[in-house]
PDB file of N, CA and C in Angstrom:
ATOM      1  N   MET A   1      95.679 182.221 168.327  1.00  0.00           N
ATOM      2  CA  MET A   1      94.745 183.267 169.420  1.00  0.00           C
ATOM      3  C   MET A   1      95.987 183.960 169.318  1.00  0.00           C
ATOM      4  N   ILE A   2      96.004 185.698 169.748  1.00  0.00           N
ATOM      5  CA  ILE A   2      97.025 187.018 169.493  1.00  0.00           C
ATOM      6  C   ILE A   2      96.990 187.563 170.200  1.00  0.00           C
ATOM      7  N   PHE A   3      98.143 187.722 171.389  1.00  0.00           N
ATOM      8  CA  PHE A   3      98.326 187.849 172.331  1.00  0.00           C
ATOM      9  C   PHE A   3      99.173 189.606 171.933  1.00  0.00           C
ATOM     10  N   ASN A   4      98.762 190.706 172.068  1.00  0.00           N
ATOM     11  CA  ASN A   4      99.437 192.040 172.161  1.00  0.00           C
ATOM     12  C   ASN A   4      99.880 192.700 173.404  1.00  0.00           C
ATOM     13  N   PRO A   5     101.727 193.059 173.231  1.00  0.00           N
ATOM     14  CA  PRO A   5     102.649 193.388 174.546  1.00  0.00           C
ATOM     15  C   PRO A   5     101.817 194.884 175.147  1.00  0.00           C
ATOM     16  N   ASP A   6     100.573 195.529 174.237  1.00  0.00           N
ATOM     17  CA  ASP A   6     100.559 196.606 174.655  1.00  0.00           C
ATOM     18  C   ASP A   6      99.042 196.451 175.789  1.00  0.00           C
ATOM     19  N   ASP A   7      98.518 195.295 175.599  1.00  0.00           N
ATOM     20  CA  ASP A   7      97.045 194.831 176.566  1.00  0.00           C
ATOM     21  C   ASP A   7      97.641 194.263 178.191  1.00  0.00           C
ATOM     22  N   TYR A   8      98.669 193.956 178.437  1.00  0.00           N
ATOM     23  CA  TYR A   8     100.123 193.747 179.395  1.00  0.00           C
ATOM     24  C   TYR A   8     100.970 194.621 179.919  1.00  0.00           C
ATOM     25  N   HIS A   9     101.969 195.423 178.953  1.00  0.00           N
ATOM     26  CA  HIS A   9     102.049 196.732 179.873  1.00  0.00           C
ATOM     27  C   HIS A   9     101.613 197.170 180.584  1.00  0.00           C
ATOM     28  N   PRO A  10     100.143 198.103 180.317  1.00  0.00           N
ATOM     29  CA  PRO A  10     100.088 198.377 181.631  1.00  0.00           C
ATOM     30  C   PRO A  10      99.394 198.303 183.429  1.00  0.00           C
ATOM     31  N   GLN A  11      99.982 197.407 182.989  1.00  0.00           N
ATOM     32  CA  GLN A  11      99.307 196.477 183.890  1.00  0.00           C
ATOM     33  C   GLN A  11     100.238 195.893 185.541  1.00  0.00           C
ATOM     34  N   LEU A  12     101.709 196.203 184.463  1.00  0.00           N
ATOM     35  CA  LEU A  12     102.782 196.061 185.005  1.00  0.00           C
ATOM     36  C   LEU A  12     103.131 197.657 185.731  1.00  0.00           C
ATOM     37  N   PRO A  13     103.797 197.041 187.375  1.00  0.00           N
ATOM     38  CA  PRO A  13     104.653 196.069 187.618  1.00  0.00           C
ATOM     39  C   PRO A  13     103.836 195.550 189.039  1.00  0.00           C
ATOM     40  N   LEU A  14     103.523 194.297 188.910  1.00  0.00           N
ATOM     41  CA  LEU A  14     102.651 193.340 189.850  1.00  0.00           C
ATOM     42  C   LEU A  14     102.951 193.841 191.615  1.00  0.00           C
ATOM     43  N   PRO A  15     102.317 193.520 193.008  1.00  0.00           N
ATOM     44  CA  PRO A  15     102.626 194.000 194.000  1.00  0.00           C
ATOM     45  C   PRO A  15     103.896 193.406 193.507  1.00  0.00           C
ATOM     46  N   ALA A  16     104.691 193.966 194.924  1.00  0.00           N
ATOM     47  CA  ALA A  16     106.585 193.878 195.259  1.00  0.00           C
ATOM     48  C   ALA A  16     105.670 191.848 196.482  1.00  0.00           C
ATOM     49  N   THR A  17     107.307 191.846 196.370  1.00  0.00           N
ATOM     50  CA  THR A  17     107.020 189.588 196.739  1.00  0.00           C
ATOM     51  C   THR A  17     108.367 190.412 197.749  1.00  0.00           C
ATOM     52  N   GLU A  18     108.568 189.190 198.468  1.00  0.00           N
ATOM     53  CA  GLU A  18     109.921 189.017 199.156  1.00  0.00           C
ATOM     54  C   GLU A  18     111.104 189.054 197.955  1.00  0.00           C
ATOM     55  N   LYS A  19     110.877 188.221 197.248  1.00  0.00           N
ATOM     56  CA  LYS A  19     112.209 188.063 195.425  1.00  0.00           C
ATOM     57  C   LYS A  19     111.892 188.898 195.375  1.00  0.00           C
ATOM     58  N   TRP A  20     111.012 190.455 194.698  1.00  0.00           N
ATOM     59  CA  TRP A  20     111.047 190.565 193.895  1.00  0.00           C
ATOM     60  C   TRP A  20     110.971 192.519 194.808  1.00  0.00           C
ATOM     61  N   LYS A  21     111.685 193.037 195.093  1.00  0.00           N
ATOM     62  CA  LYS A  21     111.338 193.977 196.623  1.00  0.00           C
ATOM     63  C   LYS A  21     111.355 195.066 195.791  1.00  0.00           C
ATOM     64  N   GLU A  22     110.917 195.804 194.003  1.00  0.00           N
ATOM     65  CA  GLU A  22     110.579 197.061 193.808  1.00  0.00           C
ATOM     66  C   GLU A  22     110.035 195.594 192.967  1.00  0.00           C
ATOM     67  N   GLY A  23     109.014 195.453 193.047  1.00  0.00           N
ATOM     68  CA  GLY A  23     106.912 194.974 191.603  1.00  0.00           C
ATOM     69  C   GLY A  23     107.899 193.716 191.018  1.00  0.00           C
ATOM     70  N   VAL A  24     106.563 193.050 190.883  1.00  0.00           N
ATOM     71  CA  VAL A  24     106.647 192.216 189.822  1.00  0.00           C
ATOM     72  C   VAL A  24     106.945 192.600 188.323  1.00  0.00           C
ATOM     73  N   TRP A  25     107.961 192.218 187.473  1.00  0.00           N
ATOM     74  CA  TRP A  25     107.554 192.462 186.104  1.00  0.00           C
ATOM     75  C   TRP A  25     107.531 191.811 185.476  1.00  0.00           C
ATOM     76  N   ASP A  26     106.585 190.782 185.343  1.00  0.00           N
ATOM     77  CA  ASP A  26     106.446 189.357 184.425  1.00  0.00           C
ATOM     78  C   ASP A  26     104.782 189.267 184.470  1.00  0.00           C
ATOM     79  N   ILE A  27     104.021 189.073 183.321  1.00  0.00           N
ATOM     80  CA  ILE A  27     102.540 188.674 183.995  1.00  0.00           C
ATOM     81  C   ILE A  27     102.238 187.012 182.976  1.00  0.00           C
ATOM     82  N   GLU A  28     101.076 186.650 183.341  1.00  0.00           N
ATOM     83  CA  GLU A  28     101.048 185.781 182.463  1.00  0.00           C
ATOM     84  C   GLU A  28      99.514 185.854 182.066  1.00  0.00           C
ATOM     85  N   ALA A  29     100.321 185.807 180.784  1.00  0.00           N
ATOM     86  CA  ALA A  29      99.188 185.685 179.762  1.00  0.00           C
ATOM     87  C   ALA A  29      98.728 184.273 179.064  1.00  0.00           C
ATOM     88  N   PHE A  30      99.299 183.459 178.848  1.00  0.00           N
ATOM     89  CA  PHE A  30      98.258 182.217 178.576  1.00  0.00           C
ATOM     90  C   PHE A  30      99.193 180.861 178.942  1.00  0.00           C
ATOM     91  N   LYS A  31      97.575 179.510 178.774  1.00  0.00           N
ATOM     92  CA  LYS A  31      98.854 178.809 179.240  1.00  0.00           C
ATOM     93  C   LYS A  31      98.294 177.707 179.349  1.00  0.00           C
ATOM     94  N   HIS A  32      98.990 176.492 178.137  1.00  0.00           N
ATOM     95  CA  HIS A  32      98.111 176.097 177.299  1.00  0.00           C
ATOM     96  C   HIS A  32      99.284 174.220 177.410  1.00  0.00           C
ATOM     97  N   GLY A  33      98.597 173.178 178.649  1.00  0.00           N
ATOM     98  CA  GLY A  33      98.757 172.056 179.028  1.00  0.00           C
ATOM     99  C   GLY A  33     100.653 173.018 179.354  1.00  0.00           C
ATOM    100  N   THR A  34     102.019 171.855 179.451  1.00  0.00           N
ATOM    101  CA  THR A  34     103.194 172.656 179.902  1.00  0.00           C
ATOM    102  C   THR A  34     103.332 173.715 179.505  1.00  0.00           C
ATOM    103  N   MET A  35     103.002 174.484 178.615  1.00  0.00           N
ATOM    104  CA  MET A  35     103.452 175.928 177.753  1.00  0.00           C
ATOM    105  C   MET A  35     102.481 177.097 179.055  1.00  0.00           C
ATOM    106  N   THR A  36     103.450 177.839 178.875  1.00  0.00           N
ATOM    107  CA  THR A  36     102.938 179.391 179.818  1.00  0.00           C
ATOM    108  C   THR A  36     103.944 180.596 178.556  1.00  0.00           C
ATOM    109  N   LEU A  37     102.868 181.853 178.602  1.00  0.00           N
ATOM    110  CA  LEU A  37     103.241 182.540 178.051  1.00  0.00           C
ATOM    111  C   LEU A  37     103.294 183.138 178.834  1.00  0.00           C
ATOM    112  N   LEU A  38     104.678 184.034 179.058  1.00  0.00           N
ATOM    113  CA  LEU A  38     104.349 185.821 180.274  1.00  0.00           C
ATOM    114  C   LEU A  38     104.913 186.941 179.104  1.00  0.00           C
ATOM    115  N   TYR A  39     104.386 187.980 179.856  1.00  0.00           N
ATOM    116  CA  TYR A  39     105.114 188.972 179.192  1.00  0.00           C
ATOM    117  C   TYR A  39     105.780 189.700 180.292  1.00  0.00           C
ATOM    118  N   PHE A  40     107.069 190.287 179.376  1.00  0.00           N
ATOM    119  CA  PHE A  40     108.327 190.983 180.828  1.00  0.00           C
ATOM    120  C   PHE A  40     108.743 191.920 180.368  1.00  0.00           C
ATOM    121  N   ALA A  41     108.409 193.088 181.745  1.00  0.00           N
ATOM    122  CA  ALA A  41     109.129 194.125 181.402  1.00  0.00           C
ATOM    123  C   ALA A  41     109.855 194.476 181.884  1.00  0.00           C
ATOM    124  N   PRO A  42     111.239 193.895 182.981  1.00  0.00           N
ATOM    125  CA  PRO A  42     111.754 194.588 183.932  1.00  0.00           C
ATOM    126  C   PRO A  42     112.175 196.065 183.642  1.00  0.00           C
ATOM    127  N   GLU A  43     112.371 196.269 185.340  1.00  0.00           N
ATOM    128  CA  GLU A  43     112.740 197.288 185.718  1.00  0.00           C
ATOM    129  C   GLU A  43     113.354 196.976 186.231  1.00  0.00           C
ATOM    130  N   GLY A  44     114.908 197.714 187.410  1.00  0.00           N
ATOM    131  CA  GLY A  44     115.290 197.767 188.449  1.00  0.00           C
ATOM    132  C   GLY A  44     115.651 196.099 188.586  1.00  0.00           C
ATOM    133  N   ALA A  45     116.608 195.694 189.317  1.00  0.00           N
ATOM    134  CA  ALA A  45     117.631 194.676 189.224  1.00  0.00           C
ATOM    135  C   ALA A  45     116.501 193.081 188.688  1.00  0.00           C
ATOM    136  N   ASP A  46     117.615 192.553 188.515  1.00  0.00           N
ATOM    137  CA  ASP A  46     116.807 190.462 187.697  1.00  0.00           C
ATOM    138  C   ASP A  46     117.125 190.128 188.750  1.00  0.00           C
ATOM    139  N   TYR A  47     116.400 189.656 189.322  1.00  0.00           N
ATOM    140  CA  TYR A  47     116.495 188.607 190.760  1.00  0.00           C
ATOM    141  C   TYR A  47     116.162 187.359 190.143  1.00  0.00           C
ATOM    142  N   GLN A  48     115.862 187.339 189.223  1.00  0.00           N
ATOM    143  CA  GLN A  48     115.495 185.653 188.351  1.00  0.00           C
ATOM    144  C   GLN A  48     116.247 184.668 189.349  1.00  0.00           C
ATOM    145  N   THR A  49     116.041 182.921 189.523  1.00  0.00           N
ATOM    146  CA  THR A  49     116.905 182.366 189.829  1.00  0.00           C
ATOM    147  C   THR A  49     116.305 181.275 188.301  1.00  0.00           C
ATOM    148  N   PRO A  50     116.734 180.318 189.446  1.00  0.00           N
ATOM    149  CA  PRO A  50     117.450 178.442 187.841  1.00  0.00           C
ATOM    150  C   PRO A  50     115.594 178.810 188.027  1.00  0.00           C
ATOM    151  N   HIS A  51     114.750 177.890 186.677  1.00  0.00           N
ATOM    152  CA  HIS A  51     113.514 177.429 186.815  1.00  0.00           C
ATOM    153  C   HIS A  51     113.432 176.492 186.565  1.00  0.00           C
ATOM    154  N   ASP A  52     112.292 175.387 186.986  1.00  0.00           N
ATOM    155  CA  ASP A  52     111.748 174.182 186.397  1.00  0.00           C
ATOM    156  C   ASP A  52     111.518 173.552 184.844  1.00  0.00           C
ATOM    157  N   GLN A  53     111.160 174.651 184.203  1.00  0.00           N
ATOM    158  CA  GLN A  53     111.407 174.278 183.117  1.00  0.00           C
ATOM    159  C   GLN A  53     112.152 175.191 182.331  1.00  0.00           C
ATOM    160  N   ASP A  54     112.459 174.191 181.139  1.00  0.00           N
ATOM    161  CA  ASP A  54     113.536 175.010 179.354  1.00  0.00           C
ATOM    162  C   ASP A  54     112.287 176.658 179.032  1.00  0.00           C
ATOM    163  N   GLU A  55     113.021 177.853 179.132  1.00  0.00           N
ATOM    164  CA  GLU A  55     112.656 179.000 179.051  1.00  0.00           C
ATOM    165  C   GLU A  55     112.757 179.727 177.173  1.00  0.00           C
ATOM    166  N   LEU A  56     112.323 180.109 176.779  1.00  0.00           N
ATOM    167  CA  LEU A  56     112.987 180.703 175.035  1.00  0.00           C
ATOM    168  C   LEU A  56     112.414 182.156 175.531  1.00  0.00           C
ATOM    169  N   TYR A  57     112.709 183.497 175.378  1.00  0.00           N
ATOM    170  CA  TYR A  57     112.447 184.278 175.748  1.00  0.00           C
ATOM    171  C   TYR A  57     113.036 185.037 173.912  1.00  0.00           C
ATOM    172  N   PHE A  58     112.162 186.307 173.414  1.00  0.00           N
ATOM    173  CA  PHE A  58     112.295 186.300 172.543  1.00  0.00           C
ATOM    174  C   PHE A  58     111.832 188.151 172.143  1.00  0.00           C
ATOM    175  N   VAL A  59     112.582 189.040 172.105  1.00  0.00           N
ATOM    176  CA  VAL A  59     112.642 190.208 172.227  1.00  0.00           C
ATOM    177  C   VAL A  59     111.920 190.811 171.824  1.00  0.00           C
ATOM    178  N   LEU A  60     111.513 192.311 172.444  1.00  0.00           N
ATOM    179  CA  LEU A  60     110.809 192.583 171.625  1.00  0.00           C
ATOM    180  C   LEU A  60     111.249 193.847 171.282  1.00  0.00           C
ATOM    181  N   GLU A  61     111.587 194.941 172.034  1.00  0.00           N
ATOM    182  CA  GLU A  61     112.267 195.992 172.206  1.00  0.00           C
ATOM    183  C   GLU A  61     113.235 195.498 173.431  1.00  0.00           C
ATOM    184  N   GLY A  62     113.771 197.116 173.726  1.00  0.00           N
ATOM    185  CA  GLY A  62     115.478 197.186 173.431  1.00  0.00           C
ATOM    186  C   GLY A  62     116.182 195.576 173.860  1.00  0.00           C
ATOM    187  N   SER A  63     117.617 196.355 174.395  1.00  0.00           N
ATOM    188  CA  SER A  63     119.452 195.528 174.062  1.00  0.00           C
ATOM    189  C   SER A  63     119.841 195.387 175.663  1.00  0.00           C
ATOM    190  N   GLY A  64     120.261 194.238 175.217  1.00  0.00           N
ATOM    191  CA  GLY A  64     121.466 194.122 177.142  1.00  0.00           C
ATOM    192  C   GLY A  64     122.078 192.996 176.404  1.00  0.00           C
ATOM    193  N   ILE A  65     122.245 192.253 177.859  1.00  0.00           N
ATOM    194  CA  ILE A  65     122.688 191.448 178.492  1.00  0.00           C
ATOM    195  C   ILE A  65     122.498 190.267 179.145  1.00  0.00           C
ATOM    196  N   ILE A  66     122.391 189.027 178.395  1.00  0.00           N
ATOM    197  CA  ILE A  66     121.832 188.650 179.483  1.00  0.00           C
ATOM    198  C   ILE A  66     122.809 187.577 180.408  1.00  0.00           C
ATOM    199  N   GLU A  67     123.032 186.573 181.351  1.00  0.00           N
ATOM    200  CA  GLU A  67     124.104 185.924 181.718  1.00  0.00           C
ATOM    201  C   GLU A  67     123.705 184.463 182.157  1.00  0.00           C
ATOM    202  N   ILE A  68     123.701 183.699 180.719  1.00  0.00           N
ATOM    203  CA  ILE A  68     124.185 182.580 181.776  1.00  0.00           C
ATOM    204  C   ILE A  68     124.749 181.439 182.238  1.00  0.00           C
ATOM    205  N   GLU A  69     124.905 180.955 183.106  1.00  0.00           N
ATOM    206  CA  GLU A  69     125.049 179.973 183.582  1.00  0.00           C
ATOM    207  C   GLU A  69     127.426 181.042 183.556  1.00  0.00           C
ATOM    208  N   GLY A  70     126.975 182.256 184.322  1.00  0.00           N
ATOM    209  CA  GLY A  70     128.589 182.507 183.906  1.00  0.00           C
ATOM    210  C   GLY A  70     128.524 183.241 182.582  1.00  0.00           C
ATOM    211  N   LYS A  71     128.353 183.080 181.059  1.00  0.00           N
ATOM    212  CA  LYS A  71     128.337 183.710 180.218  1.00  0.00           C
ATOM    213  C   LYS A  71     127.734 184.511 179.679  1.00  0.00           C
ATOM    214  N   GLU A  72     128.685 186.137 179.404  1.00  0.00           N
ATOM    215  CA  GLU A  72     127.009 186.815 178.035  1.00  0.00           C
ATOM    216  C   GLU A  72     127.394 186.491 177.536  1.00  0.00           C
ATOM    217  N   PHE A  73     125.784 186.714 177.410  1.00  0.00           N
ATOM    218  CA  PHE A  73     124.998 187.095 175.910  1.00  0.00           C
ATOM    219  C   PHE A  73     124.710 188.709 175.566  1.00  0.00           C
ATOM    220  N   PRO A  74     124.977 189.242 173.638  1.00  0.00           N
ATOM    221  CA  PRO A  74     124.496 190.806 174.381  1.00  0.00           C
ATOM    222  C   PRO A  74     123.023 190.026 172.957  1.00  0.00           C
ATOM    223  N   PHE A  75     121.633 190.369 173.352  1.00  0.00           N
ATOM    224  CA  PHE A  75     120.114 190.483 172.415  1.00  0.00           C
ATOM    225  C   PHE A  75     120.028 191.881 171.887  1.00  0.00           C
ATOM    226  N   THR A  76     119.521 192.230 171.056  1.00  0.00           N
ATOM    227  CA  THR A  76     118.711 193.244 170.468  1.00  0.00           C
ATOM    228  C   THR A  76     117.644 192.639 170.345  1.00  0.00           C
ATOM    229  N   PRO A  77     116.700 193.665 169.658  1.00  0.00           N
ATOM    230  CA  PRO A  77     115.008 193.438 169.300  1.00  0.00           C
ATOM    231  C   PRO A  77     114.897 192.800 168.435  1.00  0.00           C
ATOM    232  N   GLY A  78     114.532 191.500 168.774  1.00  0.00           N
ATOM    233  CA  GLY A  78     114.144 190.283 167.416  1.00  0.00           C
ATOM    234  C   GLY A  78     115.160 189.202 167.520  1.00  0.00           C
ATOM    235  N   SER A  79     115.539 189.109 169.242  1.00  0.00           N
ATOM    236  CA  SER A  79     116.885 187.426 169.332  1.00  0.00           C
ATOM    237  C   SER A  79     114.952 187.204 170.134  1.00  0.00           C
ATOM    238  N   ALA A  80     116.372 186.085 169.912  1.00  0.00           N
ATOM    239  CA  ALA A  80     115.451 184.847 171.068  1.00  0.00           C
ATOM    240  C   ALA A  80     116.239 184.308 171.872  1.00  0.00           C
ATOM    241  N   ILE A  81     116.425 183.530 173.295  1.00  0.00           N
ATOM    242  CA  ILE A  81     117.141 183.425 174.256  1.00  0.00           C
ATOM    243  C   ILE A  81     116.240 181.857 173.913  1.00  0.00           C
ATOM    244  N   PHE A  82     117.830 181.029 174.506  1.00  0.00           N
ATOM    245  CA  PHE A  82     117.989 180.061 174.988  1.00  0.00           C
ATOM    246  C   PHE A  82     118.114 179.252 176.186  1.00  0.00           C
ATOM    247  N   VAL A  83     117.321 179.051 176.896  1.00  0.00           N
ATOM    248  CA  VAL A  83     117.826 178.579 178.510  1.00  0.00           C
ATOM    249  C   VAL A  83     117.338 177.839 178.893  1.00  0.00           C
ATOM    250  N   LYS A  84     118.388 176.555 179.440  1.00  0.00           N
ATOM    251  CA  LYS A  84     117.483 175.127 179.842  1.00  0.00           C
ATOM    252  C   LYS A  84     117.142 175.281 181.642  1.00  0.00           C
ATOM    253  N   ALA A  85     116.703 174.376 181.018  1.00  0.00           N
ATOM    254  CA  ALA A  85     115.979 174.615 183.484  1.00  0.00           C
ATOM    255  C   ALA A  85     117.126 173.920 183.537  1.00  0.00           C
ATOM    256  N   GLY A  86     117.023 174.933 185.087  1.00  0.00           N
ATOM    257  CA  GLY A  86     117.844 174.697 185.796  1.00  0.00           C
ATOM    258  C   GLY A  86     119.432 175.987 185.355  1.00  0.00           C
ATOM    259  N   GLN A  87     119.457 176.829 185.046  1.00  0.00           N
ATOM    260  CA  GLN A  87     120.325 176.988 183.977  1.00  0.00           C
ATOM    261  C   GLN A  87     120.003 178.213 185.125  1.00  0.00           C
ATOM    262  N   GLN A  88     121.262 178.736 185.892  1.00  0.00           N
ATOM    263  CA  GLN A  88     120.917 179.869 186.374  1.00  0.00           C
ATOM    264  C   GLN A  88     121.906 181.041 185.406  1.00  0.00           C
ATOM    265  N   HIS A  89     120.423 182.265 185.118  1.00  0.00           N
ATOM    266  CA  HIS A  89     120.268 183.366 184.844  1.00  0.00           C
ATOM    267  C   HIS A  89     119.711 184.406 184.765  1.00  0.00           C
ATOM    268  N   GLN A  90     120.791 185.058 184.270  1.00  0.00           N
ATOM    269  CA  GLN A  90     119.857 187.245 184.873  1.00  0.00           C
ATOM    270  C   GLN A  90     120.396 188.106 183.562  1.00  0.00           C
ATOM    271  N   PHE A  91     119.373 189.224 183.093  1.00  0.00           N
ATOM    272  CA  PHE A  91     119.842 189.433 183.055  1.00  0.00           C
ATOM    273  C   PHE A  91     120.786 190.944 183.654  1.00  0.00           C
ATOM    274  N   LYS A  92     121.374 191.922 182.528  1.00  0.00           N
ATOM    275  CA  LYS A  92     122.647 192.402 183.047  1.00  0.00           C
ATOM    276  C   LYS A  92     122.620 193.655 183.171  1.00  0.00           C
ATOM    277  N   GLY A  93     122.578 195.376 183.997  1.00  0.00           N
ATOM    278  CA  GLY A  93     122.448 196.643 183.308  1.00  0.00           C
ATOM    279  C   GLY A  93     120.976 197.009 183.615  1.00  0.00           C
ATOM    280  N   ASN A  94     121.286 198.246 182.668  1.00  0.00           N
ATOM    281  CA  ASN A  94     119.919 198.412 183.144  1.00  0.00           C
ATOM    282  C   ASN A  94     119.101 198.550 182.061  1.00  0.00           C
ATOM    283  N   LEU A  95     118.283 197.569 181.900  1.00  0.00           N
ATOM    284  CA  LEU A  95     116.753 196.861 181.197  1.00  0.00           C
ATOM    285  C   LEU A  95     115.442 198.293 181.639  1.00  0.00           C
ATOM    286  N   SER A  96     116.077 199.046 181.787  1.00  0.00           N
ATOM    287  CA  SER A  96     114.662 200.334 181.831  1.00  0.00           C
ATOM    288  C   SER A  96     114.341 200.095 179.776  1.00  0.00           C
ATOM    289  N   GLY A  97     113.565 200.175 179.473  1.00  0.00           N
ATOM    290  CA  GLY A  97     113.032 199.651 177.691  1.00  0.00           C
ATOM    291  C   GLY A  97     112.686 198.325 177.439  1.00  0.00           C
ATOM    292  N   ILE A  98     113.046 197.077 178.122  1.00  0.00           N
ATOM    293  CA  ILE A  98     113.434 196.082 177.880  1.00  0.00           C
ATOM    294  C   ILE A  98     111.974 194.969 177.726  1.00  0.00           C
ATOM    295  N   LYS A  99     111.846 195.046 177.071  1.00  0.00           N
ATOM    296  CA  LYS A  99     110.187 194.201 176.891  1.00  0.00           C
ATOM    297  C   LYS A  99     110.595 192.379 176.167  1.00  0.00           C
ATOM    298  N   MET A 100     110.175 191.011 176.450  1.00  0.00           N
ATOM    299  CA  MET A 100     110.221 190.300 176.052  1.00  0.00           C
ATOM    300  C   MET A 100     109.263 189.352 176.158  1.00  0.00           C
ATOM    301  N   TRP A 101     108.273 188.391 175.320  1.00  0.00           N
ATOM    302  CA  TRP A 101     107.649 187.465 176.068  1.00  0.00           C
ATOM    303  C   TRP A 101     109.224 186.427 176.192  1.00  0.00           C
ATOM    304  N   ALA A 102     108.373 185.988 177.032  1.00  0.00           N
ATOM    305  CA  ALA A 102     109.043 184.050 177.905  1.00  0.00           C
ATOM    306  C   ALA A 102     107.726 183.356 178.249  1.00  0.00           C
ATOM    307  N   VAL A 103     109.076 182.050 177.636  1.00  0.00           N
ATOM    308  CA  VAL A 103     107.445 180.935 176.565  1.00  0.00           C
ATOM    309  C   VAL A 103     108.909 179.880 177.477  1.00  0.00           C
ATOM    310  N   PHE A 104     107.928 179.471 179.179  1.00  0.00           N
ATOM    311  CA  PHE A 104     108.077 178.221 179.163  1.00  0.00           C
ATOM    312  C   PHE A 104     107.131 176.866 179.293  1.00  0.00           C
ATOM    313  N   TYR A 105     107.784 175.810 179.024  1.00  0.00           N
ATOM    314  CA  TYR A 105     107.427 174.348 178.227  1.00  0.00           C
ATOM    315  C   TYR A 105     107.835 173.504 178.748  1.00  0.00           C
ATOM    316  N   GLY A 106     107.076 172.112 178.607  1.00  0.00           N
ATOM    317  CA  GLY A 106     108.145 170.426 178.821  1.00  0.00           C
ATOM    318  C   GLY A 106     108.101 170.674 180.123  1.00  0.00           C
ATOM    319  N   GLU A 107     108.690 169.861 179.772  1.00  0.00           N
ATOM    320  CA  GLU A 107     108.456 168.862 181.777  1.00  0.00           C
ATOM    321  C   GLU A 107     109.213 169.552 182.683  1.00  0.00           C
ATOM    322  N   LYS A 108     108.944 169.474 183.679  1.00  0.00           N
ATOM    323  CA  LYS A 108     110.257 170.151 184.879  1.00  0.00           C
ATOM    324  C   LYS A 108     111.379 169.165 184.523  1.00  0.00           C
ATOM    325  N   GLY A 109     112.068 169.986 184.365  1.00  0.00           N
ATOM    326  CA  GLY A 109     114.143 169.383 184.807  1.00  0.00           C
ATOM    327  C   GLY A 109     114.272 169.488 182.955  1.00  0.00           C
ATOM    328  N   GLY A 110     113.538 170.142 182.587  1.00  0.00           N
ATOM    329  CA  GLY A 110     113.751 170.263 180.597  1.00  0.00           C
ATOM    330  C   GLY A 110     113.867 168.637 179.898  1.00  0.00           C
ATOM    331  N   GLU A 111     113.489 169.389 178.668  1.00  0.00           N
ATOM    332  CA  GLU A 111     113.467 168.188 177.484  1.00  0.00           C
ATOM    333  C   GLU A 111     115.100 167.620 177.555  1.00  0.00           C
ATOM    334  N   SER A 112     115.242 167.043 177.072  1.00  0.00           N
ATOM    335  CA  SER A 112     117.088 166.376 176.753  1.00  0.00           C
ATOM    336  C   SER A 112     116.855 165.812 174.795  1.00  0.00           C
TER     337      SER A 112
END
């Protein structure tokens, strides 16, 4: 199967929620077993909280900083970012122009 960001980007943002007051900036593109593929193109602030599963981000466009458990890591297009299940993480600064795939996978609590 092929997934193209151009198919998902025009659908964002999804309606605002209590947590994401400026709208939801990710959309599920595919699910298979424990794996979920999201297209993530944040605008405004990032209100993420720790997730139940391990997660990989694949940066398509934009650059910035992700903070994971209090440490900051710069990223650029082509970067892959790993966040273990349960880790506090948040994208920092101006998020405009950032586009990425996010893949959640494995058992709740993460793999060992």
